[in-house]
Amino acid sequence: MSIPEALEQLPKRCFVSPHKSYLVNMEHIVYATGTAVFLSSGHQLPISRRKRQEFNQIFNAYLGR
C-alpha cells in the first residue's frame, strides 16, 4: 500500500505525511521546525519543501492553533 493510500484510510485528524516517504501519527510529534519533525522515539524526519505549507496547516489545526 502506498503512503497516499494509507493516508486515505487512516483518520485525517491524527496522521500526516511530511514527506513522500513518511507517514506520522501526530500524537508522537514532540515538535516541528520548518524543515524537520522530531518524534517521541527520538527520530527526526524531514519535511519536504513541497509539503511544508500543507504539513504546517494540518499540524497547527491538530494543536488547535
N, C-alpha and C. Protein backbone atom coordinates (compact mmCIF):
# COMPACT_ATOMS: atom_id res chain seq x y z
N MET A 1 0.86 -1.17 0.00
CA MET A 1 0.00 0.00 0.00
C MET A 1 0.91 1.24 0.00
N SER A 2 0.54 2.21 -0.80
CA SER A 2 1.33 3.43 -0.86
C SER A 2 0.98 4.38 0.29
N ILE A 3 1.82 5.36 0.54
CA ILE A 3 1.56 6.36 1.59
C ILE A 3 0.25 7.08 1.34
N PRO A 4 -0.01 7.59 0.13
CA PRO A 4 -1.30 8.26 -0.11
C PRO A 4 -2.51 7.36 0.13
N GLU A 5 -2.39 6.08 -0.23
CA GLU A 5 -3.49 5.13 0.01
C GLU A 5 -3.71 4.91 1.50
N ALA A 6 -2.63 4.76 2.24
CA ALA A 6 -2.73 4.58 3.69
C ALA A 6 -3.32 5.82 4.34
N LEU A 7 -2.90 6.99 3.90
CA LEU A 7 -3.40 8.24 4.46
C LEU A 7 -4.90 8.39 4.24
N GLU A 8 -5.39 7.88 3.13
CA GLU A 8 -6.83 7.92 2.85
C GLU A 8 -7.62 7.04 3.82
N GLN A 9 -7.03 5.97 4.29
CA GLN A 9 -7.74 5.02 5.14
C GLN A 9 -7.62 5.34 6.64
N LEU A 10 -6.63 6.15 7.00
CA LEU A 10 -6.42 6.49 8.41
C LEU A 10 -7.16 7.78 8.78
N PRO A 11 -7.44 7.99 10.08
CA PRO A 11 -8.13 9.22 10.50
C PRO A 11 -7.28 10.45 10.17
N LYS A 12 -7.83 11.37 9.41
CA LYS A 12 -7.09 12.55 8.97
C LYS A 12 -6.69 13.45 10.13
N ARG A 13 -7.43 13.39 11.23
CA ARG A 13 -7.13 14.25 12.37
C ARG A 13 -5.89 13.79 13.14
N CYS A 14 -5.40 12.57 12.85
CA CYS A 14 -4.28 12.01 13.61
C CYS A 14 -3.01 11.77 12.79
N PHE A 15 -3.12 11.69 11.48
CA PHE A 15 -1.97 11.31 10.67
C PHE A 15 -1.67 12.36 9.60
N VAL A 16 -0.37 12.52 9.33
CA VAL A 16 0.07 13.49 8.33
C VAL A 16 1.30 12.93 7.63
N SER A 17 1.52 13.36 6.42
CA SER A 17 2.69 12.94 5.66
C SER A 17 3.58 14.16 5.41
N PRO A 18 4.66 14.31 6.19
CA PRO A 18 5.54 15.47 6.00
C PRO A 18 6.47 15.34 4.80
N HIS A 19 6.54 14.14 4.24
CA HIS A 19 7.45 13.82 3.14
C HIS A 19 6.85 12.62 2.41
N LYS A 20 7.14 12.48 1.14
CA LYS A 20 6.53 11.39 0.37
C LYS A 20 6.88 10.01 0.91
N SER A 21 7.94 9.91 1.70
CA SER A 21 8.38 8.62 2.22
C SER A 21 7.92 8.31 3.63
N TYR A 22 7.20 9.24 4.27
CA TYR A 22 6.85 9.05 5.68
C TYR A 22 5.38 9.37 5.96
N LEU A 23 4.85 8.64 6.91
CA LEU A 23 3.51 8.86 7.44
C LEU A 23 3.66 8.91 8.96
N VAL A 24 3.14 9.97 9.60
CA VAL A 24 3.40 10.19 11.01
C VAL A 24 2.10 10.32 11.79
N ASN A 25 2.05 9.64 12.93
CA ASN A 25 0.96 9.82 13.88
C ASN A 25 1.29 11.09 14.66
N MET A 26 0.43 12.11 14.58
CA MET A 26 0.73 13.41 15.20
C MET A 26 0.81 13.34 16.72
N GLU A 27 0.27 12.30 17.33
CA GLU A 27 0.38 12.14 18.78
C GLU A 27 1.84 11.92 19.20
N HIS A 28 2.69 11.51 18.27
CA HIS A 28 4.08 11.22 18.58
C HIS A 28 5.04 12.32 18.17
N ILE A 29 4.52 13.44 17.66
CA ILE A 29 5.37 14.57 17.32
C ILE A 29 5.64 15.38 18.59
N VAL A 30 6.92 15.54 18.92
CA VAL A 30 7.31 16.34 20.07
C VAL A 30 7.32 17.81 19.66
N TYR A 31 7.97 18.09 18.51
CA TYR A 31 7.93 19.43 17.94
C TYR A 31 8.34 19.36 16.48
N ALA A 32 8.08 20.44 15.77
CA ALA A 32 8.43 20.52 14.36
C ALA A 32 9.06 21.88 14.08
N THR A 33 10.05 21.87 13.21
CA THR A 33 10.65 23.11 12.74
C THR A 33 10.20 23.30 11.30
N GLY A 34 10.76 24.24 10.62
CA GLY A 34 10.39 24.45 9.22
C GLY A 34 10.85 23.35 8.30
N THR A 35 11.82 22.56 8.75
CA THR A 35 12.38 21.53 7.86
C THR A 35 12.36 20.11 8.42
N ALA A 36 11.97 19.95 9.70
CA ALA A 36 12.02 18.60 10.28
C ALA A 36 10.96 18.40 11.35
N VAL A 37 10.60 17.13 11.54
CA VAL A 37 9.66 16.71 12.58
C VAL A 37 10.46 15.87 13.57
N PHE A 38 10.32 16.14 14.86
CA PHE A 38 11.02 15.41 15.90
C PHE A 38 10.00 14.57 16.66
N LEU A 39 10.24 13.27 16.71
CA LEU A 39 9.28 12.33 17.28
C LEU A 39 9.67 11.90 18.69
N SER A 40 8.70 11.40 19.44
CA SER A 40 8.93 10.94 20.80
C SER A 40 9.92 9.77 20.85
N SER A 41 10.08 9.07 19.76
CA SER A 41 11.03 7.95 19.69
C SER A 41 12.47 8.43 19.56
N GLY A 42 12.64 9.74 19.34
CA GLY A 42 13.98 10.30 19.13
C GLY A 42 14.35 10.44 17.67
N HIS A 43 13.52 9.93 16.78
CA HIS A 43 13.79 10.05 15.35
C HIS A 43 13.47 11.46 14.85
N GLN A 44 14.17 11.84 13.82
CA GLN A 44 13.95 13.12 13.15
C GLN A 44 13.63 12.81 11.69
N LEU A 45 12.52 13.37 11.20
CA LEU A 45 12.10 13.14 9.82
C LEU A 45 12.07 14.47 9.08
N PRO A 46 12.44 14.47 7.80
CA PRO A 46 12.41 15.72 7.04
C PRO A 46 10.99 16.13 6.66
N ILE A 47 10.79 17.42 6.49
CA ILE A 47 9.55 17.95 5.91
C ILE A 47 9.95 18.47 4.54
N SER A 48 9.36 17.93 3.51
CA SER A 48 9.73 18.34 2.15
C SER A 48 9.24 19.76 1.88
N ARG A 49 9.95 20.46 1.01
CA ARG A 49 9.54 21.82 0.64
C ARG A 49 8.14 21.81 0.02
N ARG A 50 7.87 20.80 -0.75
CA ARG A 50 6.58 20.70 -1.44
C ARG A 50 5.42 20.51 -0.46
N LYS A 51 5.67 19.84 0.66
CA LYS A 51 4.60 19.55 1.63
C LYS A 51 4.63 20.44 2.86
N ARG A 52 5.57 21.36 2.94
CA ARG A 52 5.76 22.18 4.14
C ARG A 52 4.52 22.97 4.53
N GLN A 53 3.92 23.68 3.60
CA GLN A 53 2.75 24.50 3.92
C GLN A 53 1.57 23.63 4.37
N GLU A 54 1.31 22.56 3.65
CA GLU A 54 0.22 21.65 4.00
C GLU A 54 0.46 21.01 5.37
N PHE A 55 1.71 20.58 5.62
CA PHE A 55 2.04 19.99 6.92
C PHE A 55 1.78 20.99 8.04
N ASN A 56 2.26 22.21 7.88
CA ASN A 56 2.08 23.22 8.92
C ASN A 56 0.61 23.50 9.20
N GLN A 57 -0.21 23.58 8.18
CA GLN A 57 -1.64 23.82 8.36
C GLN A 57 -2.29 22.67 9.12
N ILE A 58 -1.99 21.44 8.74
CA ILE A 58 -2.59 20.27 9.38
C ILE A 58 -2.11 20.15 10.82
N PHE A 59 -0.81 20.33 11.05
CA PHE A 59 -0.27 20.19 12.40
C PHE A 59 -0.78 21.31 13.32
N ASN A 60 -0.84 22.53 12.82
CA ASN A 60 -1.37 23.63 13.64
C ASN A 60 -2.85 23.41 13.98
N ALA A 61 -3.62 22.87 13.04
CA ALA A 61 -5.03 22.56 13.31
C ALA A 61 -5.13 21.47 14.39
N TYR A 62 -4.23 20.50 14.32
CA TYR A 62 -4.19 19.43 15.32
C TYR A 62 -3.90 20.00 16.71
N LEU A 63 -3.00 20.96 16.75
CA LEU A 63 -2.64 21.59 18.03
C LEU A 63 -3.68 22.60 18.51
N GLY A 64 -4.61 22.93 17.63
CA GLY A 64 -5.67 23.88 17.99
C GLY A 64 -5.23 25.32 17.89
N ARG A 65 -4.28 25.59 17.02
CA ARG A 65 -3.79 26.97 16.83
C ARG A 65 -4.53 27.67 15.74
